Amino acid sequence: MKAYVATFHTHLGALLTYRALQKAKIQAQMAPVPRKLSSSCGTCVFFQSSGPELALMAEEVEGVYEIQGSEYLLLHQNA
C-alpha cells in the first residue's frame, strides 16, 4: 500500500471523492491541504491504496500526489 493525497478545486469535489473511495472500501480521510501543496478549496483527501485511484476522482480534482516521506510526488494534474 502507498499513501496518496488528492487536492481539489472545490470542497464538493473533495467530498465526492472521499465518498467514492469509501464506497470502494479504500481507507480515506478529508483534511486541510498540507502547506507544501496549493489547493483552491483548502480541503484534500488522504488515502492508502495500491495505486492512485484516478478513476474514483471527482472532476474537480486539482492534483493527485504520492506521499514519499515528507515529499509529495505529483502523479496527476488537472488545469
PDB file of N, CA and C in Angstrom:
ATOM      1  N   MET A   1       0.832  -1.185   0.000  1.00  0.00           N
ATOM      2  CA  MET A   1       0.000   0.000   0.000  1.00  0.00           C
ATOM      3  C   MET A   1       0.876   1.247   0.000  1.00  0.00           C
ATOM      4  N   LYS A   2       0.418   2.226  -0.754  1.00  0.00           N
ATOM      5  CA  LYS A   2       1.092   3.512  -0.796  1.00  0.00           C
ATOM      6  C   LYS A   2       0.143   4.576  -0.268  1.00  0.00           C
ATOM      7  N   ALA A   3       0.700   5.691   0.172  1.00  0.00           N
ATOM      8  CA  ALA A   3      -0.101   6.801   0.680  1.00  0.00           C
ATOM      9  C   ALA A   3      -0.201   7.881  -0.388  1.00  0.00           C
ATOM     10  N   TYR A   4      -1.402   8.439  -0.533  1.00  0.00           N
ATOM     11  CA  TYR A   4      -1.675   9.463  -1.538  1.00  0.00           C
ATOM     12  C   TYR A   4      -2.447  10.610  -0.918  1.00  0.00           C
ATOM     13  N   VAL A   5      -2.395  11.763  -1.602  1.00  0.00           N
ATOM     14  CA  VAL A   5      -3.235  12.905  -1.244  1.00  0.00           C
ATOM     15  C   VAL A   5      -3.755  13.500  -2.550  1.00  0.00           C
ATOM     16  N   ALA A   6      -5.036  13.829  -2.545  1.00  0.00           N
ATOM     17  CA  ALA A   6      -5.671  14.464  -3.705  1.00  0.00           C
ATOM     18  C   ALA A   6      -6.161  15.846  -3.282  1.00  0.00           C
ATOM     19  N   THR A   7      -5.870  16.852  -4.105  1.00  0.00           N
ATOM     20  CA  THR A   7      -6.344  18.213  -3.849  1.00  0.00           C
ATOM     21  C   THR A   7      -7.436  18.542  -4.876  1.00  0.00           C
ATOM     22  N   PHE A   8      -8.257  19.549  -4.556  1.00  0.00           N
ATOM     23  CA  PHE A   8      -9.447  19.814  -5.358  1.00  0.00           C
ATOM     24  C   PHE A   8      -9.682  21.299  -5.575  1.00  0.00           C
ATOM     25  N   HIS A   9     -10.394  21.607  -6.664  1.00  0.00           N
ATOM     26  CA  HIS A   9     -10.804  22.975  -6.958  1.00  0.00           C
ATOM     27  C   HIS A   9     -11.992  23.383  -6.081  1.00  0.00           C
ATOM     28  N   THR A  10     -12.806  22.393  -5.657  1.00  0.00           N
ATOM     29  CA  THR A  10     -13.985  22.692  -4.837  1.00  0.00           C
ATOM     30  C   THR A  10     -14.083  21.724  -3.666  1.00  0.00           C
ATOM     31  N   HIS A  11     -14.742  22.174  -2.617  1.00  0.00           N
ATOM     32  CA  HIS A  11     -14.976  21.310  -1.459  1.00  0.00           C
ATOM     33  C   HIS A  11     -15.873  20.132  -1.851  1.00  0.00           C
ATOM     34  N   LEU A  12     -16.841  20.381  -2.741  1.00  0.00           N
ATOM     35  CA  LEU A  12     -17.728  19.311  -3.198  1.00  0.00           C
ATOM     36  C   LEU A  12     -16.933  18.202  -3.886  1.00  0.00           C
ATOM     37  N   GLY A  13     -15.944  18.558  -4.682  1.00  0.00           N
ATOM     38  CA  GLY A  13     -15.104  17.546  -5.338  1.00  0.00           C
ATOM     39  C   GLY A  13     -14.391  16.670  -4.331  1.00  0.00           C
ATOM     40  N   ALA A  14     -13.895  17.287  -3.259  1.00  0.00           N
ATOM     41  CA  ALA A  14     -13.232  16.521  -2.200  1.00  0.00           C
ATOM     42  C   ALA A  14     -14.222  15.570  -1.538  1.00  0.00           C
ATOM     43  N   LEU A  15     -15.406  16.056  -1.253  1.00  0.00           N
ATOM     44  CA  LEU A  15     -16.422  15.234  -0.601  1.00  0.00           C
ATOM     45  C   LEU A  15     -16.861  14.069  -1.492  1.00  0.00           C
ATOM     46  N   LEU A  16     -17.077  14.326  -2.775  1.00  0.00           N
ATOM     47  CA  LEU A  16     -17.492  13.258  -3.699  1.00  0.00           C
ATOM     48  C   LEU A  16     -16.409  12.191  -3.833  1.00  0.00           C
ATOM     49  N   THR A  17     -15.158  12.618  -3.889  1.00  0.00           N
ATOM     50  CA  THR A  17     -14.054  11.656  -3.986  1.00  0.00           C
ATOM     51  C   THR A  17     -13.925  10.854  -2.703  1.00  0.00           C
ATOM     52  N   TYR A  18     -14.037  11.513  -1.569  1.00  0.00           N
ATOM     53  CA  TYR A  18     -13.985  10.822  -0.277  1.00  0.00           C
ATOM     54  C   TYR A  18     -15.045   9.723  -0.219  1.00  0.00           C
ATOM     55  N   ARG A  19     -16.255  10.055  -0.614  1.00  0.00           N
ATOM     56  CA  ARG A  19     -17.345   9.072  -0.607  1.00  0.00           C
ATOM     57  C   ARG A  19     -17.089   7.926  -1.591  1.00  0.00           C
ATOM     58  N   ALA A  20     -16.565   8.248  -2.778  1.00  0.00           N
ATOM     59  CA  ALA A  20     -16.273   7.210  -3.778  1.00  0.00           C
ATOM     60  C   ALA A  20     -15.196   6.257  -3.269  1.00  0.00           C
ATOM     61  N   LEU A  21     -14.179   6.795  -2.622  1.00  0.00           N
ATOM     62  CA  LEU A  21     -13.119   5.949  -2.065  1.00  0.00           C
ATOM     63  C   LEU A  21     -13.670   5.055  -0.957  1.00  0.00           C
ATOM     64  N   GLN A  22     -14.483   5.615  -0.082  1.00  0.00           N
ATOM     65  CA  GLN A  22     -15.072   4.816   0.990  1.00  0.00           C
ATOM     66  C   GLN A  22     -15.953   3.705   0.419  1.00  0.00           C
ATOM     67  N   LYS A  23     -16.747   4.026  -0.593  1.00  0.00           N
ATOM     68  CA  LYS A  23     -17.622   3.030  -1.215  1.00  0.00           C
ATOM     69  C   LYS A  23     -16.806   1.883  -1.820  1.00  0.00           C
ATOM     70  N   ALA A  24     -15.610   2.207  -2.308  1.00  0.00           N
ATOM     71  CA  ALA A  24     -14.711   1.198  -2.874  1.00  0.00           C
ATOM     72  C   ALA A  24     -13.885   0.495  -1.797  1.00  0.00           C
ATOM     73  N   LYS A  25     -14.212   0.756  -0.529  1.00  0.00           N
ATOM     74  CA  LYS A  25     -13.534   0.128   0.621  1.00  0.00           C
ATOM     75  C   LYS A  25     -12.066   0.536   0.725  1.00  0.00           C
ATOM     76  N   ILE A  26     -11.786   1.787   0.344  1.00  0.00           N
ATOM     77  CA  ILE A  26     -10.438   2.336   0.460  1.00  0.00           C
ATOM     78  C   ILE A  26     -10.444   3.318   1.622  1.00  0.00           C
ATOM     79  N   GLN A  27      -9.524   3.120   2.545  1.00  0.00           N
ATOM     80  CA  GLN A  27      -9.429   3.992   3.709  1.00  0.00           C
ATOM     81  C   GLN A  27      -9.086   5.406   3.250  1.00  0.00           C
ATOM     82  N   ALA A  28      -9.918   6.400   3.622  1.00  0.00           N
ATOM     83  CA  ALA A  28      -9.715   7.787   3.206  1.00  0.00           C
ATOM     84  C   ALA A  28     -10.061   8.724   4.346  1.00  0.00           C
ATOM     85  N   GLN A  29      -9.477   9.927   4.278  1.00  0.00           N
ATOM     86  CA  GLN A  29      -9.736  10.933   5.304  1.00  0.00           C
ATOM     87  C   GLN A  29      -9.669  12.317   4.665  1.00  0.00           C
ATOM     88  N   MET A  30     -10.682  13.149   4.910  1.00  0.00           N
ATOM     89  CA  MET A  30     -10.653  14.539   4.465  1.00  0.00           C
ATOM     90  C   MET A  30      -9.871  15.345   5.498  1.00  0.00           C
ATOM     91  N   ALA A  31      -9.102  16.335   4.997  1.00  0.00           N
ATOM     92  CA  ALA A  31      -8.268  17.135   5.895  1.00  0.00           C
ATOM     93  C   ALA A  31      -7.894  18.448   5.205  1.00  0.00           C
ATOM     94  N   PRO A  32      -7.353  19.406   5.970  1.00  0.00           N
ATOM     95  CA  PRO A  32      -6.814  20.619   5.335  1.00  0.00           C
ATOM     96  C   PRO A  32      -5.620  20.254   4.446  1.00  0.00           C
ATOM     97  N   VAL A  33      -5.432  20.996   3.385  1.00  0.00           N
ATOM     98  CA  VAL A  33      -4.328  20.730   2.459  1.00  0.00           C
ATOM     99  C   VAL A  33      -2.993  21.063   3.128  1.00  0.00           C
ATOM    100  N   PRO A  34      -1.989  20.181   2.988  1.00  0.00           N
ATOM    101  CA  PRO A  34      -0.661  20.482   3.530  1.00  0.00           C
ATOM    102  C   PRO A  34      -0.111  21.790   2.931  1.00  0.00           C
ATOM    103  N   ARG A  35       0.645  22.529   3.689  1.00  0.00           N
ATOM    104  CA  ARG A  35       1.172  23.830   3.243  1.00  0.00           C
ATOM    105  C   ARG A  35       2.036  23.718   1.995  1.00  0.00           C
ATOM    106  N   LYS A  36       2.697  22.581   1.804  1.00  0.00           N
ATOM    107  CA  LYS A  36       3.561  22.410   0.632  1.00  0.00           C
ATOM    108  C   LYS A  36       2.772  22.355  -0.670  1.00  0.00           C
ATOM    109  N   LEU A  37       1.478  22.066  -0.571  1.00  0.00           N
ATOM    110  CA  LEU A  37       0.632  21.939  -1.759  1.00  0.00           C
ATOM    111  C   LEU A  37      -0.360  23.086  -1.794  1.00  0.00           C
ATOM    112  N   SER A  38      -0.732  23.495  -2.991  1.00  0.00           N
ATOM    113  CA  SER A  38      -1.764  24.529  -3.083  1.00  0.00           C
ATOM    114  C   SER A  38      -3.082  23.871  -3.453  1.00  0.00           C
ATOM    115  N   SER A  39      -4.168  24.496  -3.064  1.00  0.00           N
ATOM    116  CA  SER A  39      -5.490  23.986  -3.397  1.00  0.00           C
ATOM    117  C   SER A  39      -6.470  25.136  -3.413  1.00  0.00           C
ATOM    118  N   SER A  40      -7.362  25.114  -4.367  1.00  0.00           N
ATOM    119  CA  SER A  40      -8.352  26.177  -4.483  1.00  0.00           C
ATOM    120  C   SER A  40      -9.306  26.186  -3.300  1.00  0.00           C
ATOM    121  N   CYS A  41      -9.688  25.004  -2.823  1.00  0.00           N
ATOM    122  CA  CYS A  41     -10.708  24.966  -1.769  1.00  0.00           C
ATOM    123  C   CYS A  41     -10.126  24.755  -0.375  1.00  0.00           C
ATOM    124  N   GLY A  42      -8.869  24.343  -0.275  1.00  0.00           N
ATOM    125  CA  GLY A  42      -8.257  24.153   1.033  1.00  0.00           C
ATOM    126  C   GLY A  42      -8.521  22.803   1.670  1.00  0.00           C
ATOM    127  N   THR A  43      -9.275  21.932   0.975  1.00  0.00           N
ATOM    128  CA  THR A  43      -9.591  20.603   1.500  1.00  0.00           C
ATOM    129  C   THR A  43      -8.959  19.548   0.602  1.00  0.00           C
ATOM    130  N   CYS A  44      -8.402  18.524   1.217  1.00  0.00           N
ATOM    131  CA  CYS A  44      -7.821  17.428   0.449  1.00  0.00           C
ATOM    132  C   CYS A  44      -8.345  16.101   0.988  1.00  0.00           C
ATOM    133  N   VAL A  45      -8.002  15.034   0.286  1.00  0.00           N
ATOM    134  CA  VAL A  45      -8.350  13.687   0.733  1.00  0.00           C
ATOM    135  C   VAL A  45      -7.067  12.861   0.772  1.00  0.00           C
ATOM    136  N   PHE A  46      -6.740  12.355   1.939  1.00  0.00           N
ATOM    137  CA  PHE A  46      -5.634  11.413   2.108  1.00  0.00           C
ATOM    138  C   PHE A  46      -6.208  10.014   1.978  1.00  0.00           C
ATOM    139  N   PHE A  47      -5.478   9.117   1.294  1.00  0.00           N
ATOM    140  CA  PHE A  47      -5.935   7.742   1.202  1.00  0.00           C
ATOM    141  C   PHE A  47      -4.754   6.811   0.981  1.00  0.00           C
ATOM    142  N   GLN A  48      -4.972   5.536   1.305  1.00  0.00           N
ATOM    143  CA  GLN A  48      -3.965   4.498   1.106  1.00  0.00           C
ATOM    144  C   GLN A  48      -4.521   3.468   0.149  1.00  0.00           C
ATOM    145  N   SER A  49      -3.713   3.132  -0.863  1.00  0.00           N
ATOM    146  CA  SER A  49      -4.160   2.193  -1.879  1.00  0.00           C
ATOM    147  C   SER A  49      -2.943   1.649  -2.610  1.00  0.00           C
ATOM    148  N   SER A  50      -3.164   0.653  -3.455  1.00  0.00           N
ATOM    149  CA  SER A  50      -2.069   0.112  -4.254  1.00  0.00           C
ATOM    150  C   SER A  50      -1.775   0.994  -5.466  1.00  0.00           C
ATOM    151  N   GLY A  51      -2.675   1.935  -5.782  1.00  0.00           N
ATOM    152  CA  GLY A  51      -2.480   2.850  -6.903  1.00  0.00           C
ATOM    153  C   GLY A  51      -3.195   4.157  -6.637  1.00  0.00           C
ATOM    154  N   PRO A  52      -3.042   5.149  -7.535  1.00  0.00           N
ATOM    155  CA  PRO A  52      -3.612   6.486  -7.290  1.00  0.00           C
ATOM    156  C   PRO A  52      -5.130   6.600  -7.468  1.00  0.00           C
ATOM    157  N   GLU A  53      -5.801   5.546  -7.897  1.00  0.00           N
ATOM    158  CA  GLU A  53      -7.274   5.509  -7.982  1.00  0.00           C
ATOM    159  C   GLU A  53      -7.864   6.684  -8.768  1.00  0.00           C
ATOM    160  N   LEU A  54      -7.250   7.024  -9.891  1.00  0.00           N
ATOM    161  CA  LEU A  54      -7.700   8.165 -10.686  1.00  0.00           C
ATOM    162  C   LEU A  54      -9.143   8.026 -11.161  1.00  0.00           C
ATOM    163  N   ALA A  55      -9.605   6.811 -11.382  1.00  0.00           N
ATOM    164  CA  ALA A  55     -10.982   6.587 -11.838  1.00  0.00           C
ATOM    165  C   ALA A  55     -12.012   6.998 -10.789  1.00  0.00           C
ATOM    166  N   LEU A  56     -11.603   7.082  -9.538  1.00  0.00           N
ATOM    167  CA  LEU A  56     -12.528   7.448  -8.462  1.00  0.00           C
ATOM    168  C   LEU A  56     -12.506   8.939  -8.133  1.00  0.00           C
ATOM    169  N   MET A  57     -11.639   9.688  -8.799  1.00  0.00           N
ATOM    170  CA  MET A  57     -11.521  11.116  -8.516  1.00  0.00           C
ATOM    171  C   MET A  57     -12.668  11.890  -9.163  1.00  0.00           C
ATOM    172  N   ALA A  58     -13.183  12.873  -8.433  1.00  0.00           N
ATOM    173  CA  ALA A  58     -14.219  13.761  -8.966  1.00  0.00           C
ATOM    174  C   ALA A  58     -13.604  14.650 -10.051  1.00  0.00           C
ATOM    175  N   GLU A  59     -14.454  15.198 -10.909  1.00  0.00           N
ATOM    176  CA  GLU A  59     -13.997  16.091 -11.970  1.00  0.00           C
ATOM    177  C   GLU A  59     -13.192  17.262 -11.441  1.00  0.00           C
ATOM    178  N   GLU A  60     -13.512  17.707 -10.242  1.00  0.00           N
ATOM    179  CA  GLU A  60     -12.887  18.886  -9.658  1.00  0.00           C
ATOM    180  C   GLU A  60     -11.503  18.624  -9.058  1.00  0.00           C
ATOM    181  N   VAL A  61     -10.946  17.427  -9.295  1.00  0.00           N
ATOM    182  CA  VAL A  61      -9.625  17.124  -8.739  1.00  0.00           C
ATOM    183  C   VAL A  61      -8.596  18.085  -9.331  1.00  0.00           C
ATOM    184  N   GLU A  62      -7.757  18.618  -8.467  1.00  0.00           N
ATOM    185  CA  GLU A  62      -6.705  19.548  -8.890  1.00  0.00           C
ATOM    186  C   GLU A  62      -5.404  18.784  -9.130  1.00  0.00           C
ATOM    187  N   GLY A  63      -5.059  17.892  -8.196  1.00  0.00           N
ATOM    188  CA  GLY A  63      -3.842  17.109  -8.321  1.00  0.00           C
ATOM    189  C   GLY A  63      -3.887  15.882  -7.428  1.00  0.00           C
ATOM    190  N   VAL A  64      -3.172  14.840  -7.846  1.00  0.00           N
ATOM    191  CA  VAL A  64      -3.031  13.629  -7.033  1.00  0.00           C
ATOM    192  C   VAL A  64      -1.543  13.402  -6.841  1.00  0.00           C
ATOM    193  N   TYR A  65      -1.146  13.228  -5.592  1.00  0.00           N
ATOM    194  CA  TYR A  65       0.257  13.107  -5.224  1.00  0.00           C
ATOM    195  C   TYR A  65       0.494  11.824  -4.454  1.00  0.00           C
ATOM    196  N   GLU A  66       1.640  11.202  -4.691  1.00  0.00           N
ATOM    197  CA  GLU A  66       2.081  10.090  -3.848  1.00  0.00           C
ATOM    198  C   GLU A  66       2.916  10.699  -2.730  1.00  0.00           C
ATOM    199  N   ILE A  67       2.655  10.281  -1.508  1.00  0.00           N
ATOM    200  CA  ILE A  67       3.397  10.794  -0.367  1.00  0.00           C
ATOM    201  C   ILE A  67       4.627   9.914  -0.163  1.00  0.00           C
ATOM    202  N   GLN A  68       5.793  10.553  -0.200  1.00  0.00           N
ATOM    203  CA  GLN A  68       7.064   9.853  -0.015  1.00  0.00           C
ATOM    204  C   GLN A  68       7.819  10.543   1.112  1.00  0.00           C
ATOM    205  N   GLY A  69       7.612  10.046   2.318  1.00  0.00           N
ATOM    206  CA  GLY A  69       8.201  10.685   3.494  1.00  0.00           C
ATOM    207  C   GLY A  69       7.561  12.038   3.715  1.00  0.00           C
ATOM    208  N   SER A  70       8.361  13.110   3.629  1.00  0.00           N
ATOM    209  CA  SER A  70       7.818  14.460   3.785  1.00  0.00           C
ATOM    210  C   SER A  70       7.660  15.154   2.425  1.00  0.00           C
ATOM    211  N   GLU A  71       7.825  14.414   1.356  1.00  0.00           N
ATOM    212  CA  GLU A  71       7.718  14.961  -0.003  1.00  0.00           C
ATOM    213  C   GLU A  71       6.460  14.455  -0.695  1.00  0.00           C
ATOM    214  N   TYR A  72       6.027  15.205  -1.713  1.00  0.00           N
ATOM    215  CA  TYR A  72       4.840  14.860  -2.487  1.00  0.00           C
ATOM    216  C   TYR A  72       5.220  14.774  -3.961  1.00  0.00           C
ATOM    217  N   LEU A  73       5.019  13.592  -4.559  1.00  0.00           N
ATOM    218  CA  LEU A  73       5.348  13.364  -5.966  1.00  0.00           C
ATOM    219  C   LEU A  73       4.062  13.508  -6.777  1.00  0.00           C
ATOM    220  N   LEU A  74       3.993  14.515  -7.646  1.00  0.00           N
ATOM    221  CA  LEU A  74       2.810  14.763  -8.464  1.00  0.00           C
ATOM    222  C   LEU A  74       2.624  13.633  -9.477  1.00  0.00           C
ATOM    223  N   LEU A  75       1.463  12.979  -9.447  1.00  0.00           N
ATOM    224  CA  LEU A  75       1.154  11.894 -10.378  1.00  0.00           C
ATOM    225  C   LEU A  75       0.150  12.311 -11.433  1.00  0.00           C
ATOM    226  N   HIS A  76      -0.734  13.250 -11.085  1.00  0.00           N
ATOM    227  CA  HIS A  76      -1.801  13.673 -11.982  1.00  0.00           C
ATOM    228  C   HIS A  76      -2.174  15.114 -11.666  1.00  0.00           C
ATOM    229  N   GLN A  77      -2.379  15.921 -12.729  1.00  0.00           N
ATOM    230  CA  GLN A  77      -2.771  17.322 -12.510  1.00  0.00           C
ATOM    231  C   GLN A  77      -3.814  17.735 -13.527  1.00  0.00           C
ATOM    232  N   ASN A  78      -4.875  18.399 -13.052  1.00  0.00           N
ATOM    233  CA  ASN A  78      -5.889  19.000 -13.906  1.00  0.00           C
ATOM    234  C   ASN A  78      -5.668  20.502 -13.928  1.00  0.00           C
ATOM    235  N   ALA A  79      -5.910  21.092 -15.077  1.00  0.00           N
ATOM    236  CA  ALA A  79      -5.731  22.561 -15.212  1.00  0.00           C
ATOM    237  C   ALA A  79      -6.845  23.299 -14.513  1.00  0.00           C
TER     238      ALA A  79
END
